[in-house]
Structure formats: C-alpha cells, structure tokens
Amino acid sequence: MPTTPTTTPVQPMSMTGIRTILTALKDIEGISGSFAVGKTGTLVARDMPAVFDDGSLSEAGERLIRMGETLADIGDQLDVAVIRFLDHKVYLKVLSSGMLCVLAHPKVNVAALRMAVNLVGRRITPVLEQLEAEPPNALTEDTVKTAPPTEPPRPVPGASVASAGNPALGQRRFRGRTIG
C-alpha cells in the first residue's frame, strides 16, 4: 500500500538558518552576497563580503525600507527594485516583514536571480514575521552571552558632520564629487 506523505508543522528557523539560506544564493554565478533586514530596517542576517560591516548594512537597510515606504505613500507599492551601479547592482525584494537585498555583478542572469530571490524570500519570511512579533528588548539565549546591542546616536539635523570629529561620516558623493 502506498504511503501518503504527512505534513509536519514548520519549526521556526534560527538566524544561522537564514545565513545558510543566504549563502545558497551565491550558487548563482554573479552574486557576491546578500542580507536581510526587518520591517524597520534592522539587519537580521548577512552573507556579504567583509568590506561591508554590520553598521553600514543596518544603515542601508533603514534607508531602503524608507525608500519603499516613500513610494507606498505616493501610491507605488514596491515589490522588486534594482539599483544599478557601474560595477554591480543591488536587487531588492520586499517581503511582508522586511526586505531581502542581493549584491550582484551587472551581467548576472536576472531570471535565475529573480527565481532564487523569490524562493529565499518565501523561506525567510516566517522568521522575519516571528522577529516582528517578539518584543524588541526580549533577551534570547544568544544575546545573554553578550551585552545587548545599543543603537548608535542619530545625527542632529543641521549639525555639521565635520564638527562631530569624523569628516568622512555622512558625506555623500554624486558623480565622483563630494556633496552636502
């Protein structure tokens, strides 16, 4: 007699599990790395080259989430976006509880990238939703071993970045020129 497959309840995935899934994206030729952020832009997991630190990815995540919210405010619901640069592109996939961001070479196979991002997005969305439901200051076993993360101070509007002691922080570049 043939057996019918039984469905087992889906167990919540750990952060290590998300990192493993993000690492699998590199199986597609041309993908350099990826990271996932929660609904507020908080970095959840990363598989990026070492040149990108967690602080930079968190800041980028917050800005990318705000970009999606801005578009939603004017009536354009962001689902997928591609930000193109000279040497790479960033592929963004909006999820119900965050965003998946993939760093790729310009000549990456976009069809394979899109399919992989959709699959990864479906697999990590439940974890992002679980994180959203948890209280923000809840300590887990992983965070008890280290001090709770502190949020870096936010820049004061109108304050000079150079006066804060770090002239490179907050400067923007447009077409090779420093602005602002």
Foldseek 3Di string as FASTA:
>chain_A
DDDDDDDDDDDADDLVRLQVLQVVLPVFPFWQWKWWAWLQQQTRHIDHPPVDDNVNSSVVSNVVSVVQVVCVVVPHHDAWDWADDDFWIWIWGQAPTTIMIIIGGPPTPVVVSVVSCVVSRVVCNVNSVVCVPDDPPDDDPVCVVDPDDDDDDDDDPPDQPVVVVDNVPPWDDDPRDTDD
